[in-house]
Amino acid sequence: MDTTSPSPDIATPLVTPGQPEGGATREMAVFAGGCFWGVEDAFRHLAGVIATRVGYAGGHTEHPTYREVCSHTTGHAEAVEVVYDPALISYEDLVTAFLFDIHDPTQLNRQGPDVGDQYRSAIFVRDAGQRATAERVLGRLAGQSRSRRPIVTEVTEAPRFWEAEEYHQQYFEKQGGGACHLPMSGSWMRA
């Protein structure tokens, strides 16, 4: 497995947001919440999600590789770009699933056994509407939580998304399944 090849220089999204031929509107969201294999797999199973890809976001280096991101020198988080049809699933639904079901937003720079700044919890917002929605959902969940730990998910402007190496894309599907740190239905809220 080659972990040194540069990630593709893809400045264009996986699927262009907007109104494609065929009628379905497409919007885009970017999340970071631990190992991107499990986060991507969870999003891919939500009705209304059209496409996903894993990559790196939020750092200061261009063309990061997996090895570089894991070295803690790039500032990048493992992230997932989600393209969805807002007629079938809302951005609020995606944020709620991310915060409640897909990862534990109370773990700082880690998810389960995976430790490091590349595993931080972040919602990378693309506009003021996404920011307002993310902050509203974070506030609502913080109010509902009985956890002794504070929510540490950052909400920040969407940086350039660097696509990860091909062997990381749809990793669980290629490997016939897998397991990650994913909590079950808000279990972090009771910790």
C-alpha atoms as a PDB file:
ATOM      1  CA  MET A   1       0.000   0.000   0.000  1.00  0.00           C
ATOM      2  CA  ASP A   2       1.596   3.281  -1.143  1.00  0.00           C
ATOM      3  CA  THR A   3       1.130   5.989   1.460  1.00  0.00           C
ATOM      4  CA  THR A   4       3.591   8.442  -0.070  1.00  0.00           C
ATOM      5  CA  SER A   5       1.920   9.279  -3.375  1.00  0.00           C
ATOM      6  CA  PRO A   6       0.515  12.798  -3.461  1.00  0.00           C
ATOM      7  CA  SER A   7      -3.206  13.209  -3.327  1.00  0.00           C
ATOM      8  CA  PRO A   8      -4.783  14.453  -6.537  1.00  0.00           C
ATOM      9  CA  ASP A   9      -4.917  18.205  -7.042  1.00  0.00           C
ATOM     10  CA  ILE A  10      -8.673  18.357  -7.323  1.00  0.00           C
ATOM     11  CA  ALA A  11     -10.067  21.827  -6.791  1.00  0.00           C
ATOM     12  CA  THR A  12     -13.423  20.866  -8.247  1.00  0.00           C
ATOM     13  CA  PRO A  13     -15.954  18.968  -6.187  1.00  0.00           C
ATOM     14  CA  LEU A  14     -16.774  15.319  -6.668  1.00  0.00           C
ATOM     15  CA  VAL A  15     -20.182  16.324  -8.036  1.00  0.00           C
ATOM     16  CA  THR A  16     -20.929  19.912  -8.938  1.00  0.00           C
ATOM     17  CA  PRO A  17     -23.555  21.385  -6.588  1.00  0.00           C
ATOM     18  CA  GLY A  18     -26.611  22.979  -8.148  1.00  0.00           C
ATOM     19  CA  GLN A  19     -29.181  21.748 -10.621  1.00  0.00           C
ATOM     20  CA  PRO A  20     -27.782  18.935 -12.817  1.00  0.00           C
ATOM     21  CA  GLU A  21     -29.585  17.342 -15.720  1.00  0.00           C
ATOM     22  CA  GLY A  22     -32.319  15.059 -14.452  1.00  0.00           C
ATOM     23  CA  GLY A  23     -33.731  17.493 -11.930  1.00  0.00           C
ATOM     24  CA  ALA A  24     -32.159  16.596  -8.557  1.00  0.00           C
ATOM     25  CA  THR A  25     -30.630  19.574  -6.754  1.00  0.00           C
ATOM     26  CA  ARG A  26     -27.220  18.913  -5.272  1.00  0.00           C
ATOM     27  CA  GLU A  27     -25.634  20.547  -2.260  1.00  0.00           C
ATOM     28  CA  MET A  28     -22.328  19.865  -0.529  1.00  0.00           C
ATOM     29  CA  ALA A  29     -21.190  19.494   3.083  1.00  0.00           C
ATOM     30  CA  VAL A  30     -17.807  18.683   4.649  1.00  0.00           C
ATOM     31  CA  PHE A  31     -17.324  16.984   8.026  1.00  0.00           C
ATOM     32  CA  ALA A  32     -14.332  15.729  10.025  1.00  0.00           C
ATOM     33  CA  GLY A  33     -14.889  13.296  12.879  1.00  0.00           C
ATOM     34  CA  GLY A  34     -12.185  10.706  13.282  1.00  0.00           C
ATOM     35  CA  CYS A  35     -11.153   7.980  10.875  1.00  0.00           C
ATOM     36  CA  PHE A  36     -12.663   8.992   7.558  1.00  0.00           C
ATOM     37  CA  TRP A  37     -13.411   5.398   6.521  1.00  0.00           C
ATOM     38  CA  GLY A  38     -16.199   4.977   9.077  1.00  0.00           C
ATOM     39  CA  VAL A  39     -17.517   8.529   8.751  1.00  0.00           C
ATOM     40  CA  GLU A  40     -17.773   8.159   4.972  1.00  0.00           C
ATOM     41  CA  ASP A  41     -19.474   4.774   5.268  1.00  0.00           C
ATOM     42  CA  ALA A  42     -22.068   6.163   7.691  1.00  0.00           C
ATOM     43  CA  PHE A  43     -22.899   9.085   5.402  1.00  0.00           C
ATOM     44  CA  ARG A  44     -23.078   6.842   2.310  1.00  0.00           C
ATOM     45  CA  HIS A  45     -25.914   4.889   3.945  1.00  0.00           C
ATOM     46  CA  LEU A  46     -28.143   7.940   4.510  1.00  0.00           C
ATOM     47  CA  ALA A  47     -31.048   8.310   2.086  1.00  0.00           C
ATOM     48  CA  GLY A  48     -30.519  11.430  -0.001  1.00  0.00           C
ATOM     49  CA  VAL A  49     -26.718  11.272  -0.046  1.00  0.00           C
ATOM     50  CA  ILE A  50     -25.644  11.183  -3.693  1.00  0.00           C
ATOM     51  CA  ALA A  51     -21.864  10.818  -3.384  1.00  0.00           C
ATOM     52  CA  THR A  52     -18.992  11.002  -0.918  1.00  0.00           C
ATOM     53  CA  ARG A  53     -15.232  11.159  -1.013  1.00  0.00           C
ATOM     54  CA  VAL A  54     -12.625  11.209   1.719  1.00  0.00           C
ATOM     55  CA  GLY A  55      -9.770  13.628   1.949  1.00  0.00           C
ATOM     56  CA  TYR A  56      -7.971  16.186   4.022  1.00  0.00           C
ATOM     57  CA  ALA A  57      -9.095  19.669   5.075  1.00  0.00           C
ATOM     58  CA  GLY A  58      -8.277  22.438   7.493  1.00  0.00           C
ATOM     59  CA  GLY A  59      -4.497  22.356   7.296  1.00  0.00           C
ATOM     60  CA  HIS A  60      -1.730  24.527   5.930  1.00  0.00           C
ATOM     61  CA  THR A  61      -0.021  22.295   3.362  1.00  0.00           C
ATOM     62  CA  GLU A  62      -0.945  21.648  -0.248  1.00  0.00           C
ATOM     63  CA  HIS A  63      -1.264  18.165  -1.720  1.00  0.00           C
ATOM     64  CA  PRO A  64      -1.047  16.376   1.642  1.00  0.00           C
ATOM     65  CA  THR A  65      -0.575  12.624   1.717  1.00  0.00           C
ATOM     66  CA  TYR A  66      -1.978  10.221   4.272  1.00  0.00           C
ATOM     67  CA  ARG A  67       1.485   9.713   5.741  1.00  0.00           C
ATOM     68  CA  GLU A  68       2.014  13.467   6.072  1.00  0.00           C
ATOM     69  CA  VAL A  69      -1.381  14.009   7.704  1.00  0.00           C
ATOM     70  CA  CYS A  70      -0.637  11.211  10.190  1.00  0.00           C
ATOM     71  CA  SER A  71       2.701  12.884  11.048  1.00  0.00           C
ATOM     72  CA  HIS A  72       0.794  15.780  12.708  1.00  0.00           C
ATOM     73  CA  THR A  73       2.751  18.376  10.690  1.00  0.00           C
ATOM     74  CA  THR A  74       0.104  19.456   8.158  1.00  0.00           C
ATOM     75  CA  GLY A  75      -2.731  20.645  10.397  1.00  0.00           C
ATOM     76  CA  HIS A  76      -5.200  18.734   8.220  1.00  0.00           C
ATOM     77  CA  ALA A  77      -8.093  16.649   9.525  1.00  0.00           C
ATOM     78  CA  GLU A  78      -9.342  13.481   7.883  1.00  0.00           C
ATOM     79  CA  ALA A  79     -12.555  14.753   6.303  1.00  0.00           C
ATOM     80  CA  VAL A  80     -15.514  13.602   4.225  1.00  0.00           C
ATOM     81  CA  GLU A  81     -17.126  15.585   1.449  1.00  0.00           C
ATOM     82  CA  VAL A  82     -20.837  14.745   1.182  1.00  0.00           C
ATOM     83  CA  VAL A  83     -22.952  15.601  -1.864  1.00  0.00           C
ATOM     84  CA  TYR A  84     -26.664  15.352  -1.139  1.00  0.00           C
ATOM     85  CA  ASP A  85     -30.114  16.103  -2.509  1.00  0.00           C
ATOM     86  CA  PRO A  86     -31.751  18.644  -0.143  1.00  0.00           C
ATOM     87  CA  ALA A  87     -35.192  17.491  -1.301  1.00  0.00           C
ATOM     88  CA  LEU A  88     -34.437  14.110   0.304  1.00  0.00           C
ATOM     89  CA  ILE A  89     -32.217  15.041   3.260  1.00  0.00           C
ATOM     90  CA  SER A  90     -31.574  18.461   4.742  1.00  0.00           C
ATOM     91  CA  TYR A  91     -28.279  19.936   5.845  1.00  0.00           C
ATOM     92  CA  GLU A  92     -29.724  19.994   9.359  1.00  0.00           C
ATOM     93  CA  ASP A  93     -30.382  16.240   9.111  1.00  0.00           C
ATOM     94  CA  LEU A  94     -26.754  15.664   8.029  1.00  0.00           C
ATOM     95  CA  VAL A  95     -25.399  17.767  10.906  1.00  0.00           C
ATOM     96  CA  THR A  96     -27.690  16.009  13.388  1.00  0.00           C
ATOM     97  CA  ALA A  97     -26.622  12.559  12.145  1.00  0.00           C
ATOM     98  CA  PHE A  98     -22.969  13.600  12.304  1.00  0.00           C
ATOM     99  CA  LEU A  99     -23.192  14.930  15.858  1.00  0.00           C
ATOM    100  CA  PHE A 100     -25.585  12.367  17.295  1.00  0.00           C
ATOM    101  CA  ASP A 101     -24.879   9.078  15.488  1.00  0.00           C
ATOM    102  CA  ILE A 102     -21.694   9.189  13.441  1.00  0.00           C
ATOM    103  CA  HIS A 103     -19.063  10.292  15.929  1.00  0.00           C
ATOM    104  CA  ASP A 104     -18.523  11.510  19.491  1.00  0.00           C
ATOM    105  CA  PRO A 105     -18.345  15.323  19.452  1.00  0.00           C
ATOM    106  CA  THR A 106     -16.973  15.430  23.017  1.00  0.00           C
ATOM    107  CA  GLN A 107     -13.608  13.847  22.199  1.00  0.00           C
ATOM    108  CA  LEU A 108     -10.860  16.394  21.547  1.00  0.00           C
ATOM    109  CA  ASN A 109      -8.402  15.370  18.804  1.00  0.00           C
ATOM    110  CA  ARG A 110      -9.456  11.741  18.894  1.00  0.00           C
ATOM    111  CA  GLN A 111     -12.229   9.257  18.233  1.00  0.00           C
ATOM    112  CA  GLY A 112     -12.105   6.085  20.275  1.00  0.00           C
ATOM    113  CA  PRO A 113      -8.644   4.527  19.911  1.00  0.00           C
ATOM    114  CA  ASP A 114      -7.603   6.942  17.124  1.00  0.00           C
ATOM    115  CA  VAL A 115      -5.635   9.832  18.636  1.00  0.00           C
ATOM    116  CA  GLY A 116      -4.241  12.915  16.928  1.00  0.00           C
ATOM    117  CA  ASP A 117      -5.226  16.294  15.551  1.00  0.00           C
ATOM    118  CA  GLN A 118      -6.163  14.672  12.227  1.00  0.00           C
ATOM    119  CA  TYR A 119      -9.092  13.026  14.079  1.00  0.00           C
ATOM    120  CA  ARG A 120     -10.561  16.289  15.405  1.00  0.00           C
ATOM    121  CA  SER A 121     -14.262  17.017  15.207  1.00  0.00           C
ATOM    122  CA  ALA A 122     -15.167  19.753  12.736  1.00  0.00           C
ATOM    123  CA  ILE A 123     -17.986  20.974  10.563  1.00  0.00           C
ATOM    124  CA  PHE A 124     -16.553  22.894   7.628  1.00  0.00           C
ATOM    125  CA  VAL A 125     -19.290  25.310   6.547  1.00  0.00           C
ATOM    126  CA  ARG A 126     -19.650  26.665   3.017  1.00  0.00           C
ATOM    127  CA  ASP A 127     -21.909  29.662   3.730  1.00  0.00           C
ATOM    128  CA  ALA A 128     -23.769  31.611   6.414  1.00  0.00           C
ATOM    129  CA  GLY A 129     -26.793  29.301   6.186  1.00  0.00           C
ATOM    130  CA  GLN A 130     -24.701  26.217   6.904  1.00  0.00           C
ATOM    131  CA  ARG A 131     -22.971  28.028   9.784  1.00  0.00           C
ATOM    132  CA  ALA A 132     -26.286  29.060  11.363  1.00  0.00           C
ATOM    133  CA  THR A 133     -27.652  25.512  11.017  1.00  0.00           C
ATOM    134  CA  ALA A 134     -24.520  23.873  12.438  1.00  0.00           C
ATOM    135  CA  GLU A 135     -24.417  26.247  15.410  1.00  0.00           C
ATOM    136  CA  ARG A 136     -28.170  25.795  16.072  1.00  0.00           C
ATOM    137  CA  VAL A 137     -27.861  21.984  16.062  1.00  0.00           C
ATOM    138  CA  LEU A 138     -24.744  22.116  18.248  1.00  0.00           C
ATOM    139  CA  GLY A 139     -26.602  24.299  20.744  1.00  0.00           C
ATOM    140  CA  ARG A 140     -29.619  22.012  20.774  1.00  0.00           C
ATOM    141  CA  LEU A 141     -27.527  18.891  21.310  1.00  0.00           C
ATOM    142  CA  ALA A 142     -25.423  20.542  24.006  1.00  0.00           C
ATOM    143  CA  GLY A 143     -28.665  21.337  25.830  1.00  0.00           C
ATOM    144  CA  GLN A 144     -29.867  17.738  25.534  1.00  0.00           C
ATOM    145  CA  SER A 145     -26.566  16.122  26.532  1.00  0.00           C
ATOM    146  CA  ARG A 146     -26.074  14.599  29.955  1.00  0.00           C
ATOM    147  CA  SER A 147     -22.391  14.077  29.213  1.00  0.00           C
ATOM    148  CA  ARG A 148     -19.879  15.443  31.693  1.00  0.00           C
ATOM    149  CA  ARG A 149     -17.664  16.369  28.748  1.00  0.00           C
ATOM    150  CA  PRO A 150     -18.287  19.511  26.667  1.00  0.00           C
ATOM    151  CA  ILE A 151     -18.898  19.346  22.932  1.00  0.00           C
ATOM    152  CA  VAL A 152     -15.614  20.261  21.194  1.00  0.00           C
ATOM    153  CA  THR A 153     -16.745  20.205  17.555  1.00  0.00           C
ATOM    154  CA  GLU A 154     -15.428  23.262  15.757  1.00  0.00           C
ATOM    155  CA  VAL A 155     -17.505  25.101  13.156  1.00  0.00           C
ATOM    156  CA  THR A 156     -15.215  26.783  10.666  1.00  0.00           C
ATOM    157  CA  GLU A 157     -15.164  28.048   7.096  1.00  0.00           C
ATOM    158  CA  ALA A 158     -14.724  25.281   4.546  1.00  0.00           C
ATOM    159  CA  PRO A 159     -11.123  25.240   3.405  1.00  0.00           C
ATOM    160  CA  ARG A 160      -9.847  23.630   0.250  1.00  0.00           C
ATOM    161  CA  PHE A 161     -10.617  19.921   0.254  1.00  0.00           C
ATOM    162  CA  TRP A 162      -7.755  17.678  -0.827  1.00  0.00           C
ATOM    163  CA  GLU A 163      -8.936  14.289  -2.048  1.00  0.00           C
ATOM    164  CA  ALA A 164      -7.259  11.346  -0.315  1.00  0.00           C
ATOM    165  CA  GLU A 165      -5.484   8.569  -2.133  1.00  0.00           C
ATOM    166  CA  GLU A 166      -7.718   6.196  -4.128  1.00  0.00           C
ATOM    167  CA  TYR A 167      -7.275   3.249  -1.759  1.00  0.00           C
ATOM    168  CA  HIS A 168      -9.044   5.275   0.969  1.00  0.00           C
ATOM    169  CA  GLN A 169     -12.168   5.974  -1.124  1.00  0.00           C
ATOM    170  CA  GLN A 170     -15.172   3.824  -0.116  1.00  0.00           C
ATOM    171  CA  TYR A 171     -12.701   1.772   1.916  1.00  0.00           C
ATOM    172  CA  PHE A 172     -15.271  -0.356   3.748  1.00  0.00           C
ATOM    173  CA  GLU A 173     -17.036  -1.255   0.515  1.00  0.00           C
ATOM    174  CA  LYS A 174     -13.735  -2.334  -1.063  1.00  0.00           C
ATOM    175  CA  GLN A 175     -12.783  -4.358   2.019  1.00  0.00           C
ATOM    176  CA  GLY A 176     -16.165  -6.007   2.493  1.00  0.00           C
ATOM    177  CA  GLY A 177     -17.008  -4.163   5.685  1.00  0.00           C
ATOM    178  CA  GLY A 178     -15.161  -2.895   8.666  1.00  0.00           C
ATOM    179  CA  ALA A 179     -15.509  -1.313  12.031  1.00  0.00           C
ATOM    180  CA  CYS A 180     -14.504   2.018  13.437  1.00  0.00           C
ATOM    181  CA  HIS A 181     -15.098   4.018  16.536  1.00  0.00           C
ATOM    182  CA  LEU A 182     -18.676   4.900  15.625  1.00  0.00           C
ATOM    183  CA  PRO A 183     -20.905   5.329  18.681  1.00  0.00           C
ATOM    184  CA  MET A 184     -24.459   4.036  18.662  1.00  0.00           C
ATOM    185  CA  SER A 185     -27.375   6.491  18.666  1.00  0.00           C
ATOM    186  CA  GLY A 186     -26.034   9.243  20.856  1.00  0.00           C
ATOM    187  CA  SER A 187     -24.258   7.003  23.354  1.00  0.00           C
ATOM    188  CA  TRP A 188     -21.800   9.857  23.959  1.00  0.00           C
ATOM    189  CA  MET A 189     -24.685  11.918  25.385  1.00  0.00           C
ATOM    190  CA  ARG A 190     -25.010   9.555  28.327  1.00  0.00           C
ATOM    191  CA  ALA A 191     -21.299   9.232  29.156  1.00  0.00           C
END
